[in-house]
């Protein structure tokens, strides 16, 4: 079981990701915006952060930069969880410093497989 922080400005996306992760046995924290997500990461040092990229006021890339600039959160694994799925988006976001890339809408098996890979566990169900 890992502590996973999900950051997304859409309550439906937060709820879905949390339900999938909790069903897989993980503990989930949620933040409804990037600034709140940075604060939660600083306070709880989760094993993994799933960060929406397109959010109002502070976007996911800017939040990632803040996390990387703080000694307490610089090494945390942060995955872009995004609807940005055009050619080149994955490569651009990985180049920005994200540790992984997951597309929305969530595809259950792929989502859990990537989460398990990033936290160092085996993917459930093979």
Protein backbone atom coordinates (compact mmCIF):
# COMPACT_ATOMS: atom_id res chain seq x y z
CA UNK A 1 0.00 0.00 0.00
CA UNK A 2 1.24 3.45 -0.92
CA UNK A 3 0.18 6.96 -0.01
CA UNK A 4 -0.86 8.63 -3.26
CA UNK A 5 -1.80 12.29 -3.73
CA UNK A 6 -4.19 13.04 -6.58
CA UNK A 7 -4.31 16.68 -7.72
CA UNK A 8 -7.09 17.72 -10.08
CA UNK A 9 -9.48 20.66 -10.30
CA UNK A 10 -12.33 18.40 -11.47
CA UNK A 11 -14.09 16.68 -8.56
CA UNK A 12 -15.25 13.82 -10.82
CA UNK A 13 -11.68 13.03 -11.86
CA UNK A 14 -10.54 13.17 -8.23
CA UNK A 15 -13.32 10.84 -7.16
CA UNK A 16 -12.68 8.32 -9.93
CA UNK A 17 -8.91 8.19 -9.40
CA UNK A 18 -9.36 7.90 -5.63
CA UNK A 19 -11.90 5.07 -5.99
CA UNK A 20 -9.63 3.10 -8.34
CA UNK A 21 -6.58 3.58 -6.12
CA UNK A 22 -8.41 2.79 -2.89
CA UNK A 23 -9.91 -0.34 -4.45
CA UNK A 24 -6.33 -1.42 -5.25
CA UNK A 25 -5.43 -0.96 -1.56
CA UNK A 26 -3.74 2.44 -1.60
CA UNK A 27 -4.28 5.35 0.76
CA UNK A 28 -5.34 8.45 -1.17
CA UNK A 29 -5.08 12.15 -0.46
CA UNK A 30 -6.82 14.61 -2.81
CA UNK A 31 -6.23 18.23 -3.65
CA UNK A 32 -8.58 20.33 -5.78
CA UNK A 33 -5.89 22.52 -7.29
CA UNK A 34 -2.17 22.76 -7.79
CA UNK A 35 -1.41 25.14 -4.91
CA UNK A 36 -3.34 22.88 -2.52
CA UNK A 37 -1.48 19.91 -4.01
CA UNK A 38 1.92 21.46 -3.34
CA UNK A 39 0.90 22.14 0.26
CA UNK A 40 -0.36 18.57 0.70
CA UNK A 41 2.87 17.19 -0.76
CA UNK A 42 4.94 19.28 1.64
CA UNK A 43 2.81 18.19 4.59
CA UNK A 44 2.52 14.47 3.83
CA UNK A 45 5.42 13.47 1.50
CA UNK A 46 3.33 10.94 -0.48
CA UNK A 47 4.88 7.99 -2.28
CA UNK A 48 3.42 9.22 -5.57
CA UNK A 49 1.65 12.32 -6.89
CA UNK A 50 -0.77 12.19 -9.82
CA UNK A 51 -0.94 15.77 -11.11
CA UNK A 52 -3.43 17.22 -13.57
CA UNK A 53 -1.64 19.53 -15.99
CA UNK A 54 -4.36 21.99 -17.00
CA UNK A 55 -5.69 23.77 -13.92
CA UNK A 56 -6.69 27.39 -13.30
CA UNK A 57 -4.35 29.86 -11.56
CA UNK A 58 -1.45 27.39 -11.12
CA UNK A 59 -0.94 24.65 -13.68
CA UNK A 60 0.59 21.23 -13.11
CA UNK A 61 3.93 22.10 -14.72
CA UNK A 62 4.33 25.14 -12.44
CA UNK A 63 3.35 23.03 -9.44
CA UNK A 64 5.94 20.43 -10.44
CA UNK A 65 8.60 23.16 -10.57
CA UNK A 66 7.64 24.27 -7.04
CA UNK A 67 7.87 20.68 -5.80
CA UNK A 68 11.28 20.18 -7.42
CA UNK A 69 12.54 23.45 -5.88
CA UNK A 70 11.75 22.30 -2.32
CA UNK A 71 14.26 19.97 -0.65
CA UNK A 72 11.44 18.01 1.07
CA UNK A 73 9.61 17.28 -2.17
CA UNK A 74 12.31 17.43 -4.86
CA UNK A 75 12.64 13.65 -5.14
CA UNK A 76 8.94 12.77 -4.99
CA UNK A 77 7.59 10.88 -7.99
CA UNK A 78 5.13 13.07 -9.89
CA UNK A 79 3.06 11.76 -12.80
CA UNK A 80 1.19 13.94 -15.29
CA UNK A 81 -2.46 12.81 -15.25
CA UNK A 82 -3.85 14.70 -18.18
CA UNK A 83 -6.26 15.00 -21.05
CA UNK A 84 -3.37 16.40 -23.13
CA UNK A 85 -3.01 13.54 -25.57
CA UNK A 86 -1.86 15.16 -28.79
CA UNK A 87 1.28 14.06 -30.56
CA UNK A 88 4.29 15.26 -28.57
CA UNK A 89 2.42 15.99 -25.31
CA UNK A 90 3.83 12.93 -23.53
CA UNK A 91 7.39 13.75 -24.56
CA UNK A 92 6.99 17.43 -23.64
CA UNK A 93 5.65 16.64 -20.18
CA UNK A 94 8.34 14.05 -19.47
CA UNK A 95 10.93 16.63 -20.60
CA UNK A 96 9.40 19.09 -18.10
CA UNK A 97 10.39 16.63 -15.36
CA UNK A 98 7.35 14.46 -14.75
CA UNK A 99 8.24 10.87 -13.82
CA UNK A 100 5.40 9.41 -15.84
CA UNK A 101 2.42 10.21 -18.03
CA UNK A 102 -1.15 8.95 -17.77
CA UNK A 103 -3.98 9.97 -20.08
CA UNK A 104 -7.49 10.88 -19.04
CA UNK A 105 -9.97 9.38 -19.18
CA UNK A 106 -8.43 6.74 -16.97
CA UNK A 107 -8.10 3.27 -18.45
CA UNK A 108 -8.28 1.10 -15.33
CA UNK A 109 -5.66 -1.59 -16.04
CA UNK A 110 -3.11 0.75 -17.65
CA UNK A 111 -3.62 3.29 -14.86
CA UNK A 112 -2.97 0.76 -12.09
CA UNK A 113 -0.07 -0.85 -13.96
CA UNK A 114 1.72 2.50 -14.25
CA UNK A 115 0.99 3.42 -10.62
CA UNK A 116 2.38 0.10 -9.41
CA UNK A 117 5.44 0.47 -11.62
CA UNK A 118 6.16 3.91 -10.23
CA UNK A 119 5.80 2.92 -6.60
CA UNK A 120 8.01 -0.09 -7.19
CA UNK A 121 5.40 -2.81 -6.81
CA UNK A 122 4.15 -5.47 -9.14
CA UNK A 123 1.22 -4.64 -11.34
CA UNK A 124 -1.95 -6.28 -10.01
CA UNK A 125 -3.45 -8.90 -12.25
CA UNK A 126 -0.27 -9.40 -14.25
